[in-house]
Amino acid sequence: MAGKPELTNVAPDESGKLRIYFLPNLFTAGNLFCGFIALTRIVEADINGQEFTNVIRWSLFFILLACIFDVLDGRVARLGGFESPFGREFDSLADLISFGVAPAFLVHRVVLRDVFFARPEVGWFISSIYLMCGALRLARFNCLAAMPPEKLGHKDFTGLPIPAAAGTVASITLLLLHLDDKSFPSGSWRYLLPFIMVFLSIMMVSDVRFPSFKSLDWRAKRSFARMVIIVLAIGFFLILWNTVLPWVLPIVFTAYIFYGFIRPHIPGKMRKEIEDEEGEDEAENNHG
């Protein structure tokens, strides 16, 4: 065993021992850690304290950082051929904390706890809707992922991915904080969050298809013009970080949700260019 570097997170091998890949699961652990830190910050936040908005802002940062770790663990697993049942289950457990429990606690903490004074269980129930739909979404994803590709017939996500739902909640909350930092704890704009969260809950368990971008090849050659645009966009984003970030993230997540609705009506060729996919099989095109 000591001389074998090929530790994998696939099913048990001939010796009966479970082999685990280190790097993709390290990113998944980072996702879980960020979700835990975000959750503790939300629970510890004093809504009447002077540092409330700053604490909430940090919790939002960790939720969004968890989204980045979630993208990286999947990308590393696919590039290295490390996809497996173990990694999928570990990723789902981490996602449920970072993108299910943490956003639900966030909306309850900043909005719902103050709305139903006589019946606080109503606020709990609204928050739990998001969490339950997120758990159902992850369970359905694991079941579909276990199916053979030829039976599934497509590589899309069925229902809104829970990281996208959490990113939407976190980014919109970040934008509301940016627009009205001082009055956010008692302002009326925060009451948008429960409606957004219920809408996202419905989207997660819906049959709307969203692109997974799993076939996007980061190693493929790009045109010079596209490379220049990407470099300029990254530079512009870094220079105006504090001003641009609160606006860019809600636009990105909202655009992804909106794209899921209009995607079936987009011509196949244009859709391939948008999603940067090449060589998709006929079955996937028929299911688009």
C-alpha atoms as a PDB file:
ATOM      1  CA  MET A   1       0.000   0.000   0.000  1.00  0.00           C
ATOM      2  CA  ALA A   2       2.826   2.416   0.837  1.00  0.00           C
ATOM      3  CA  GLY A   3       4.192   2.275  -2.679  1.00  0.00           C
ATOM      4  CA  LYS A   4       0.886   2.971  -4.427  1.00  0.00           C
ATOM      5  CA  PRO A   5       0.110   6.671  -5.043  1.00  0.00           C
ATOM      6  CA  GLU A   6      -3.174   6.058  -6.851  1.00  0.00           C
ATOM      7  CA  LEU A   7      -5.511   6.715  -3.904  1.00  0.00           C
ATOM      8  CA  THR A   8      -9.000   7.081  -5.308  1.00  0.00           C
ATOM      9  CA  ASN A   9     -12.476   7.885  -4.084  1.00  0.00           C
ATOM     10  CA  VAL A  10     -14.044   5.128  -6.136  1.00  0.00           C
ATOM     11  CA  ALA A  11     -15.765   1.969  -5.005  1.00  0.00           C
ATOM     12  CA  PRO A  12     -13.762  -0.552  -2.935  1.00  0.00           C
ATOM     13  CA  ASP A  13     -11.052  -2.321  -4.902  1.00  0.00           C
ATOM     14  CA  GLU A  14     -10.218  -5.998  -4.968  1.00  0.00           C
ATOM     15  CA  SER A  15      -8.744  -5.807  -1.451  1.00  0.00           C
ATOM     16  CA  GLY A  16     -12.025  -4.476  -0.083  1.00  0.00           C
ATOM     17  CA  LYS A  17     -10.525  -1.114   0.957  1.00  0.00           C
ATOM     18  CA  LEU A  18     -12.063   2.189  -0.036  1.00  0.00           C
ATOM     19  CA  ARG A  19      -9.629   4.374  -1.948  1.00  0.00           C
ATOM     20  CA  ILE A  20      -9.963   8.147  -1.728  1.00  0.00           C
ATOM     21  CA  TYR A  21      -8.533  10.914  -3.928  1.00  0.00           C
ATOM     22  CA  PHE A  22      -7.030  13.665  -1.830  1.00  0.00           C
ATOM     23  CA  LEU A  23      -7.279  16.881  -3.880  1.00  0.00           C
ATOM     24  CA  PRO A  24     -10.964  16.943  -4.935  1.00  0.00           C
ATOM     25  CA  ASN A  25     -12.061  15.934  -1.450  1.00  0.00           C
ATOM     26  CA  LEU A  26      -9.821  18.622   0.019  1.00  0.00           C
ATOM     27  CA  PHE A  27     -11.784  21.235  -1.952  1.00  0.00           C
ATOM     28  CA  THR A  28     -15.027  19.631  -0.770  1.00  0.00           C
ATOM     29  CA  ALA A  29     -13.774  19.861   2.803  1.00  0.00           C
ATOM     30  CA  GLY A  30     -13.047  23.551   2.165  1.00  0.00           C
ATOM     31  CA  ASN A  31     -16.628  23.941   0.987  1.00  0.00           C
ATOM     32  CA  LEU A  32     -17.902  22.307   4.200  1.00  0.00           C
ATOM     33  CA  PHE A  33     -15.585  24.402   6.381  1.00  0.00           C
ATOM     34  CA  CYS A  34     -16.789  27.642   4.766  1.00  0.00           C
ATOM     35  CA  GLY A  35     -20.399  26.596   5.287  1.00  0.00           C
ATOM     36  CA  PHE A  36     -19.756  25.907   8.961  1.00  0.00           C
ATOM     37  CA  ILE A  37     -18.018  29.260   9.483  1.00  0.00           C
ATOM     38  CA  ALA A  38     -20.861  31.068   7.694  1.00  0.00           C
ATOM     39  CA  LEU A  39     -23.383  29.275   9.867  1.00  0.00           C
ATOM     40  CA  THR A  40     -21.607  30.148  13.108  1.00  0.00           C
ATOM     41  CA  ARG A  41     -21.303  33.800  12.085  1.00  0.00           C
ATOM     42  CA  ILE A  42     -25.023  33.959  11.297  1.00  0.00           C
ATOM     43  CA  VAL A  43     -25.998  32.354  14.614  1.00  0.00           C
ATOM     44  CA  GLU A  44     -23.685  34.603  16.621  1.00  0.00           C
ATOM     45  CA  ALA A  45     -24.781  37.836  14.904  1.00  0.00           C
ATOM     46  CA  ASP A  46     -26.585  40.269  17.206  1.00  0.00           C
ATOM     47  CA  ILE A  47     -29.276  41.947  15.114  1.00  0.00           C
ATOM     48  CA  ASN A  48     -29.305  44.912  17.511  1.00  0.00           C
ATOM     49  CA  GLY A  49     -25.541  45.248  17.632  1.00  0.00           C
ATOM     50  CA  GLN A  50     -23.443  47.769  15.731  1.00  0.00           C
ATOM     51  CA  GLU A  51     -21.448  45.025  13.997  1.00  0.00           C
ATOM     52  CA  PHE A  52     -24.482  43.098  12.743  1.00  0.00           C
ATOM     53  CA  THR A  53     -24.169  44.043   9.068  1.00  0.00           C
ATOM     54  CA  ASN A  54     -20.420  43.429   9.109  1.00  0.00           C
ATOM     55  CA  VAL A  55     -20.897  39.954  10.625  1.00  0.00           C
ATOM     56  CA  ILE A  56     -23.589  39.121   8.068  1.00  0.00           C
ATOM     57  CA  ARG A  57     -21.343  40.383   5.271  1.00  0.00           C
ATOM     58  CA  TRP A  58     -18.606  37.997   6.384  1.00  0.00           C
ATOM     59  CA  SER A  59     -21.070  35.101   6.510  1.00  0.00           C
ATOM     60  CA  LEU A  60     -22.114  35.931   2.940  1.00  0.00           C
ATOM     61  CA  PHE A  61     -18.469  35.957   1.916  1.00  0.00           C
ATOM     62  CA  PHE A  62     -17.998  32.420   3.274  1.00  0.00           C
ATOM     63  CA  ILE A  63     -21.126  31.152   1.493  1.00  0.00           C
ATOM     64  CA  LEU A  64     -19.830  32.560  -1.793  1.00  0.00           C
ATOM     65  CA  LEU A  65     -16.363  31.155  -1.080  1.00  0.00           C
ATOM     66  CA  ALA A  66     -18.000  27.762  -0.552  1.00  0.00           C
ATOM     67  CA  CYS A  67     -19.481  28.129  -4.053  1.00  0.00           C
ATOM     68  CA  ILE A  68     -15.962  28.571  -5.433  1.00  0.00           C
ATOM     69  CA  PHE A  69     -14.711  25.469  -3.608  1.00  0.00           C
ATOM     70  CA  ASP A  70     -17.714  23.542  -4.944  1.00  0.00           C
ATOM     71  CA  VAL A  71     -16.814  24.495  -8.522  1.00  0.00           C
ATOM     72  CA  LEU A  72     -13.167  23.584  -7.982  1.00  0.00           C
ATOM     73  CA  ASP A  73     -13.773  20.144  -6.501  1.00  0.00           C
ATOM     74  CA  GLY A  74     -15.948  19.123  -9.434  1.00  0.00           C
ATOM     75  CA  ARG A  75     -13.564  20.582 -11.997  1.00  0.00           C
ATOM     76  CA  VAL A  76     -10.519  18.878 -10.449  1.00  0.00           C
ATOM     77  CA  ALA A  77     -12.365  15.566 -10.217  1.00  0.00           C
ATOM     78  CA  ARG A  78     -13.392  15.699 -13.886  1.00  0.00           C
ATOM     79  CA  LEU A  79      -9.998  16.832 -15.184  1.00  0.00           C
ATOM     80  CA  GLY A  80      -8.228  14.041 -13.303  1.00  0.00           C
ATOM     81  CA  GLY A  81     -10.884  11.402 -13.919  1.00  0.00           C
ATOM     82  CA  PHE A  82     -11.568  11.190 -10.174  1.00  0.00           C
ATOM     83  CA  GLU A  83     -15.390  11.206 -10.237  1.00  0.00           C
ATOM     84  CA  SER A  84     -16.865   8.557  -7.974  1.00  0.00           C
ATOM     85  CA  PRO A  85     -19.757   7.687  -5.655  1.00  0.00           C
ATOM     86  CA  PHE A  86     -17.706   8.642  -2.575  1.00  0.00           C
ATOM     87  CA  GLY A  87     -16.871  12.100  -3.888  1.00  0.00           C
ATOM     88  CA  ARG A  88     -20.462  12.656  -4.992  1.00  0.00           C
ATOM     89  CA  GLU A  89     -21.877  11.742  -1.567  1.00  0.00           C
ATOM     90  CA  PHE A  90     -19.299  13.810   0.320  1.00  0.00           C
ATOM     91  CA  ASP A  91     -19.994  16.766  -1.941  1.00  0.00           C
ATOM     92  CA  SER A  92     -23.744  16.481  -1.321  1.00  0.00           C
ATOM     93  CA  LEU A  93     -23.268  16.428   2.447  1.00  0.00           C
ATOM     94  CA  ALA A  94     -21.091  19.537   2.263  1.00  0.00           C
ATOM     95  CA  ASP A  95     -23.557  21.262  -0.084  1.00  0.00           C
ATOM     96  CA  LEU A  96     -26.453  20.639   2.291  1.00  0.00           C
ATOM     97  CA  ILE A  97     -24.630  22.549   5.044  1.00  0.00           C
ATOM     98  CA  SER A  98     -23.089  25.343   2.975  1.00  0.00           C
ATOM     99  CA  PHE A  99     -25.926  25.936   0.518  1.00  0.00           C
ATOM    100  CA  GLY A 100     -28.926  24.572   2.424  1.00  0.00           C
ATOM    101  CA  VAL A 101     -28.634  25.162   6.159  1.00  0.00           C
ATOM    102  CA  ALA A 102     -26.545  28.367   6.051  1.00  0.00           C
ATOM    103  CA  PRO A 103     -28.826  30.349   3.649  1.00  0.00           C
ATOM    104  CA  ALA A 104     -31.941  29.136   5.497  1.00  0.00           C
ATOM    105  CA  PHE A 105     -30.486  30.334   8.790  1.00  0.00           C
ATOM    106  CA  LEU A 106     -29.436  33.593   7.135  1.00  0.00           C
ATOM    107  CA  VAL A 107     -32.919  34.517   5.901  1.00  0.00           C
ATOM    108  CA  HIS A 108     -34.502  33.458   9.184  1.00  0.00           C
ATOM    109  CA  ARG A 109     -32.002  35.494  11.183  1.00  0.00           C
ATOM    110  CA  VAL A 110     -32.253  38.750   9.247  1.00  0.00           C
ATOM    111  CA  VAL A 111     -35.953  38.636   8.265  1.00  0.00           C
ATOM    112  CA  LEU A 112     -38.279  35.888   9.423  1.00  0.00           C
ATOM    113  CA  ARG A 113     -37.518  36.037  13.143  1.00  0.00           C
ATOM    114  CA  ASP A 114     -39.015  39.561  13.243  1.00  0.00           C
ATOM    115  CA  VAL A 115     -42.060  39.002  11.043  1.00  0.00           C
ATOM    116  CA  PHE A 116     -44.191  36.483  12.903  1.00  0.00           C
ATOM    117  CA  PHE A 117     -43.906  37.514  16.558  1.00  0.00           C
ATOM    118  CA  ALA A 118     -47.116  35.729  17.598  1.00  0.00           C
ATOM    119  CA  ARG A 119     -46.417  32.609  15.525  1.00  0.00           C
ATOM    120  CA  PRO A 120     -42.636  32.171  15.189  1.00  0.00           C
ATOM    121  CA  GLU A 121     -43.166  28.651  13.848  1.00  0.00           C
ATOM    122  CA  VAL A 122     -44.369  30.224  10.580  1.00  0.00           C
ATOM    123  CA  GLY A 123     -40.906  31.720  10.079  1.00  0.00           C
ATOM    124  CA  TRP A 124     -39.283  28.416  10.897  1.00  0.00           C
ATOM    125  CA  PHE A 125     -41.513  26.658   8.374  1.00  0.00           C
ATOM    126  CA  ILE A 126     -40.682  29.103   5.559  1.00  0.00           C
ATOM    127  CA  SER A 127     -36.969  28.649   6.213  1.00  0.00           C
ATOM    128  CA  SER A 128     -37.353  24.871   6.342  1.00  0.00           C
ATOM    129  CA  ILE A 129     -39.020  24.846   2.898  1.00  0.00           C
ATOM    130  CA  TYR A 130     -35.761  25.981   1.327  1.00  0.00           C
ATOM    131  CA  LEU A 131     -33.739  23.417   3.283  1.00  0.00           C
ATOM    132  CA  MET A 132     -36.060  20.515   2.454  1.00  0.00           C
ATOM    133  CA  CYS A 133     -36.203  21.406  -1.241  1.00  0.00           C
ATOM    134  CA  GLY A 134     -32.424  21.650  -1.290  1.00  0.00           C
ATOM    135  CA  ALA A 135     -32.097  18.205   0.292  1.00  0.00           C
ATOM    136  CA  LEU A 136     -34.585  16.762  -2.210  1.00  0.00           C
ATOM    137  CA  ARG A 137     -32.641  18.400  -5.045  1.00  0.00           C
ATOM    138  CA  LEU A 138     -29.381  16.802  -3.882  1.00  0.00           C
ATOM    139  CA  ALA A 139     -31.005  13.378  -3.438  1.00  0.00           C
ATOM    140  CA  ARG A 140     -32.469  13.528  -6.938  1.00  0.00           C
ATOM    141  CA  PHE A 141     -29.116  14.603  -8.369  1.00  0.00           C
ATOM    142  CA  ASN A 142     -27.340  11.647  -6.752  1.00  0.00           C
ATOM    143  CA  CYS A 143     -29.935   9.236  -8.115  1.00  0.00           C
ATOM    144  CA  LEU A 144     -29.667  10.664 -11.640  1.00  0.00           C
ATOM    145  CA  ALA A 145     -25.863  10.741 -11.467  1.00  0.00           C
ATOM    146  CA  ALA A 146     -25.831   7.039 -10.622  1.00  0.00           C
ATOM    147  CA  MET A 147     -27.730   6.219 -13.824  1.00  0.00           C
ATOM    148  CA  PRO A 148     -25.746   5.153 -16.915  1.00  0.00           C
ATOM    149  CA  PRO A 149     -25.210   8.107 -19.300  1.00  0.00           C
ATOM    150  CA  GLU A 150     -26.888   6.263 -22.167  1.00  0.00           C
ATOM    151  CA  LYS A 151     -30.089   5.920 -20.095  1.00  0.00           C
ATOM    152  CA  LEU A 152     -30.056   9.480 -18.793  1.00  0.00           C
ATOM    153  CA  GLY A 153     -29.543  10.896 -22.289  1.00  0.00           C
ATOM    154  CA  HIS A 154     -28.265  14.342 -21.261  1.00  0.00           C
ATOM    155  CA  LYS A 155     -25.690  16.107 -19.091  1.00  0.00           C
ATOM    156  CA  ASP A 156     -27.895  18.933 -17.834  1.00  0.00           C
ATOM    157  CA  PHE A 157     -28.987  19.665 -14.291  1.00  0.00           C
ATOM    158  CA  THR A 158     -32.646  18.901 -13.613  1.00  0.00           C
ATOM    159  CA  GLY A 159     -33.789  21.697 -11.340  1.00  0.00           C
ATOM    160  CA  LEU A 160     -31.726  24.649 -10.145  1.00  0.00           C
ATOM    161  CA  PRO A 161     -28.445  23.482  -8.543  1.00  0.00           C
ATOM    162  CA  ILE A 162     -28.388  24.253  -4.831  1.00  0.00           C
ATOM    163  CA  PRO A 163     -25.051  26.175  -5.045  1.00  0.00           C
ATOM    164  CA  ALA A 164     -26.692  28.533  -7.570  1.00  0.00           C
ATOM    165  CA  ALA A 165     -29.689  28.962  -5.251  1.00  0.00           C
ATOM    166  CA  ALA A 166     -27.446  29.757  -2.284  1.00  0.00           C
ATOM    167  CA  GLY A 167     -25.318  32.086  -4.400  1.00  0.00           C
ATOM    168  CA  THR A 168     -28.453  33.952  -5.458  1.00  0.00           C
ATOM    169  CA  VAL A 169     -29.600  34.431  -1.847  1.00  0.00           C
ATOM    170  CA  ALA A 170     -26.127  35.460  -0.687  1.00  0.00           C
ATOM    171  CA  SER A 171     -25.405  37.828  -3.589  1.00  0.00           C
ATOM    172  CA  ILE A 172     -28.774  39.600  -3.376  1.00  0.00           C
ATOM    173  CA  THR A 173     -28.334  40.010   0.384  1.00  0.00           C
ATOM    174  CA  LEU A 174     -24.871  41.431  -0.281  1.00  0.00           C
ATOM    175  CA  LEU A 175     -26.382  43.893  -2.755  1.00  0.00           C
ATOM    176  CA  LEU A 176     -29.029  45.001  -0.242  1.00  0.00           C
ATOM    177  CA  LEU A 177     -26.290  45.577   2.320  1.00  0.00           C
ATOM    178  CA  HIS A 178     -24.354  47.602  -0.234  1.00  0.00           C
ATOM    179  CA  LEU A 179     -27.362  49.785  -1.078  1.00  0.00           C
ATOM    180  CA  ASP A 180     -28.455  50.486   2.484  1.00  0.00           C
ATOM    181  CA  ASP A 181     -25.968  49.291   5.053  1.00  0.00           C
ATOM    182  CA  LYS A 182     -27.207  51.257   8.067  1.00  0.00           C
ATOM    183  CA  SER A 183     -30.940  50.580   7.812  1.00  0.00           C
ATOM    184  CA  PHE A 184     -30.701  47.005   6.538  1.00  0.00           C
ATOM    185  CA  PRO A 185     -31.447  45.345   9.923  1.00  0.00           C
ATOM    186  CA  SER A 186     -34.746  47.251  10.127  1.00  0.00           C
ATOM    187  CA  GLY A 187     -35.361  48.218   6.494  1.00  0.00           C
ATOM    188  CA  SER A 188     -38.129  46.910   4.271  1.00  0.00           C
ATOM    189  CA  TRP A 189     -35.900  45.724   1.391  1.00  0.00           C
ATOM    190  CA  ARG A 190     -34.873  42.660   3.389  1.00  0.00           C
ATOM    191  CA  TYR A 191     -38.441  41.348   3.131  1.00  0.00           C
ATOM    192  CA  LEU A 192     -37.653  40.440  -0.475  1.00  0.00           C
ATOM    193  CA  LEU A 193     -35.460  37.592   0.733  1.00  0.00           C
ATOM    194  CA  PRO A 194     -38.222  35.183   1.900  1.00  0.00           C
ATOM    195  CA  PHE A 195     -40.030  35.506  -1.453  1.00  0.00           C
ATOM    196  CA  ILE A 196     -36.782  34.945  -3.323  1.00  0.00           C
ATOM    197  CA  MET A 197     -35.991  31.928  -1.171  1.00  0.00           C
ATOM    198  CA  VAL A 198     -39.430  30.356  -1.768  1.00  0.00           C
ATOM    199  CA  PHE A 199     -39.033  30.912  -5.526  1.00  0.00           C
ATOM    200  CA  LEU A 200     -35.599  29.282  -5.455  1.00  0.00           C
ATOM    201  CA  SER A 201     -37.022  26.371  -3.463  1.00  0.00           C
ATOM    202  CA  ILE A 202     -39.571  25.731  -6.218  1.00  0.00           C
ATOM    203  CA  MET A 203     -36.887  26.015  -8.872  1.00  0.00           C
ATOM    204  CA  MET A 204     -34.663  23.432  -7.156  1.00  0.00           C
ATOM    205  CA  VAL A 205     -37.352  20.740  -7.281  1.00  0.00           C
ATOM    206  CA  SER A 206     -38.670  21.778 -10.697  1.00  0.00           C
ATOM    207  CA  ASP A 207     -38.026  19.999 -14.007  1.00  0.00           C
ATOM    208  CA  VAL A 208     -36.400  23.058 -15.588  1.00  0.00           C
ATOM    209  CA  ARG A 209     -33.099  22.059 -17.183  1.00  0.00           C
ATOM    210  CA  PHE A 210     -29.955  24.071 -16.512  1.00  0.00           C
ATOM    211  CA  PRO A 211     -26.580  23.656 -18.232  1.00  0.00           C
ATOM    212  CA  SER A 212     -23.952  21.939 -16.121  1.00  0.00           C
ATOM    213  CA  PHE A 213     -20.954  23.264 -18.126  1.00  0.00           C
ATOM    214  CA  LYS A 214     -19.247  19.958 -17.303  1.00  0.00           C
ATOM    215  CA  SER A 215     -18.120  19.551 -20.898  1.00  0.00           C
ATOM    216  CA  LEU A 216     -16.515  22.989 -21.005  1.00  0.00           C
ATOM    217  CA  ASP A 217     -12.810  22.460 -21.746  1.00  0.00           C
ATOM    218  CA  TRP A 218     -10.640  25.076 -20.019  1.00  0.00           C
ATOM    219  CA  ARG A 219      -7.611  23.737 -21.865  1.00  0.00           C
ATOM    220  CA  ALA A 220      -9.098  24.360 -25.294  1.00  0.00           C
ATOM    221  CA  LYS A 221      -7.661  27.078 -27.509  1.00  0.00           C
ATOM    222  CA  ARG A 222      -9.524  30.400 -27.448  1.00  0.00           C
ATOM    223  CA  SER A 223      -9.538  33.215 -29.962  1.00  0.00           C
ATOM    224  CA  PHE A 224      -7.248  36.172 -29.292  1.00  0.00           C
ATOM    225  CA  ALA A 225     -10.193  38.584 -29.078  1.00  0.00           C
ATOM    226  CA  ARG A 226     -11.934  36.442 -26.483  1.00  0.00           C
ATOM    227  CA  MET A 227      -8.751  36.205 -24.423  1.00  0.00           C
ATOM    228  CA  VAL A 228      -8.343  40.011 -24.456  1.00  0.00           C
ATOM    229  CA  ILE A 229     -11.956  40.530 -23.372  1.00  0.00           C
ATOM    230  CA  ILE A 230     -11.576  38.051 -20.506  1.00  0.00           C
ATOM    231  CA  VAL A 231      -8.333  39.643 -19.284  1.00  0.00           C
ATOM    232  CA  LEU A 232      -9.825  43.147 -19.419  1.00  0.00           C
ATOM    233  CA  ALA A 233     -12.962  42.001 -17.609  1.00  0.00           C
ATOM    234  CA  ILE A 234     -10.921  40.389 -14.829  1.00  0.00           C
ATOM    235  CA  GLY A 235      -8.777  43.513 -14.482  1.00  0.00           C
ATOM    236  CA  PHE A 236     -11.815  45.784 -14.359  1.00  0.00           C
ATOM    237  CA  PHE A 237     -13.395  43.535 -11.755  1.00  0.00           C
ATOM    238  CA  LEU A 238     -10.281  43.550  -9.534  1.00  0.00           C
ATOM    239  CA  ILE A 239      -9.806  47.336  -9.736  1.00  0.00           C
ATOM    240  CA  LEU A 240     -13.427  48.110  -8.805  1.00  0.00           C
ATOM    241  CA  TRP A 241     -13.848  45.158  -6.439  1.00  0.00           C
ATOM    242  CA  ASN A 242     -15.903  46.853  -3.722  1.00  0.00           C
ATOM    243  CA  THR A 243     -18.134  48.703  -6.175  1.00  0.00           C
ATOM    244  CA  VAL A 244     -18.624  46.048  -8.843  1.00  0.00           C
ATOM    245  CA  LEU A 245     -18.860  42.852  -6.761  1.00  0.00           C
ATOM    246  CA  PRO A 246     -22.260  43.558  -5.129  1.00  0.00           C
ATOM    247  CA  TRP A 247     -23.772  44.194  -8.597  1.00  0.00           C
ATOM    248  CA  VAL A 248     -22.013  41.564 -10.692  1.00  0.00           C
ATOM    249  CA  LEU A 249     -22.808  38.514  -8.580  1.00  0.00           C
ATOM    250  CA  PRO A 250     -26.623  38.989  -8.465  1.00  0.00           C
ATOM    251  CA  ILE A 251     -26.597  39.617 -12.215  1.00  0.00           C
ATOM    252  CA  VAL A 252     -24.608  36.423 -12.869  1.00  0.00           C
ATOM    253  CA  PHE A 253     -26.813  34.180 -10.733  1.00  0.00           C
ATOM    254  CA  THR A 254     -30.041  35.780 -11.971  1.00  0.00           C
ATOM    255  CA  ALA A 255     -28.896  35.430 -15.584  1.00  0.00           C
ATOM    256  CA  TYR A 256     -28.212  31.716 -15.010  1.00  0.00           C
ATOM    257  CA  ILE A 257     -31.750  31.205 -13.673  1.00  0.00           C
ATOM    258  CA  PHE A 258     -33.282  33.211 -16.516  1.00  0.00           C
ATOM    259  CA  TYR A 259     -31.224  31.261 -19.052  1.00  0.00           C
ATOM    260  CA  GLY A 260     -32.775  28.034 -17.792  1.00  0.00           C
ATOM    261  CA  PHE A 261     -36.214  29.335 -18.805  1.00  0.00           C
ATOM    262  CA  ILE A 262     -35.281  30.578 -22.271  1.00  0.00           C
ATOM    263  CA  ARG A 263     -32.788  27.800 -23.061  1.00  0.00           C
ATOM    264  CA  PRO A 264     -35.307  25.415 -24.700  1.00  0.00           C
ATOM    265  CA  HIS A 265     -36.259  28.174 -27.151  1.00  0.00           C
ATOM    266  CA  ILE A 266     -32.682  28.979 -28.224  1.00  0.00           C
ATOM    267  CA  PRO A 267     -31.464  27.362 -31.476  1.00  0.00           C
ATOM    268  CA  GLY A 268     -29.131  24.439 -30.901  1.00  0.00           C
ATOM    269  CA  LYS A 269     -26.137  26.049 -32.615  1.00  0.00           C
ATOM    270  CA  MET A 270     -26.425  29.267 -30.616  1.00  0.00           C
ATOM    271  CA  ARG A 271     -26.877  27.292 -27.409  1.00  0.00           C
ATOM    272  CA  LYS A 272     -23.683  25.341 -28.077  1.00  0.00           C
ATOM    273  CA  GLU A 273     -21.771  28.576 -28.585  1.00  0.00           C
ATOM    274  CA  ILE A 274     -23.139  30.034 -25.336  1.00  0.00           C
ATOM    275  CA  GLU A 275     -22.354  26.913 -23.347  1.00  0.00           C
ATOM    276  CA  ASP A 276     -19.059  26.393 -25.173  1.00  0.00           C
ATOM    277  CA  GLU A 277     -19.800  22.759 -25.863  1.00  0.00           C
ATOM    278  CA  GLU A 278     -18.335  20.639 -28.619  1.00  0.00           C
ATOM    279  CA  GLY A 279     -19.107  17.147 -29.799  1.00  0.00           C
ATOM    280  CA  GLU A 280     -22.363  16.701 -27.879  1.00  0.00           C
ATOM    281  CA  ASP A 281     -24.176  13.554 -28.829  1.00  0.00           C
ATOM    282  CA  GLU A 282     -27.511  13.385 -30.581  1.00  0.00           C
ATOM    283  CA  ALA A 283     -29.351  12.266 -27.473  1.00  0.00           C
ATOM    284  CA  GLU A 284     -28.395  15.398 -25.580  1.00  0.00           C
ATOM    285  CA  ASN A 285     -29.536  17.628 -28.416  1.00  0.00           C
ATOM    286  CA  ASN A 286     -32.885  15.893 -28.511  1.00  0.00           C
ATOM    287  CA  HIS A 287     -33.365  16.485 -24.798  1.00  0.00           C
ATOM    288  CA  GLY A 288     -32.507  20.220 -24.990  1.00  0.00           C
END
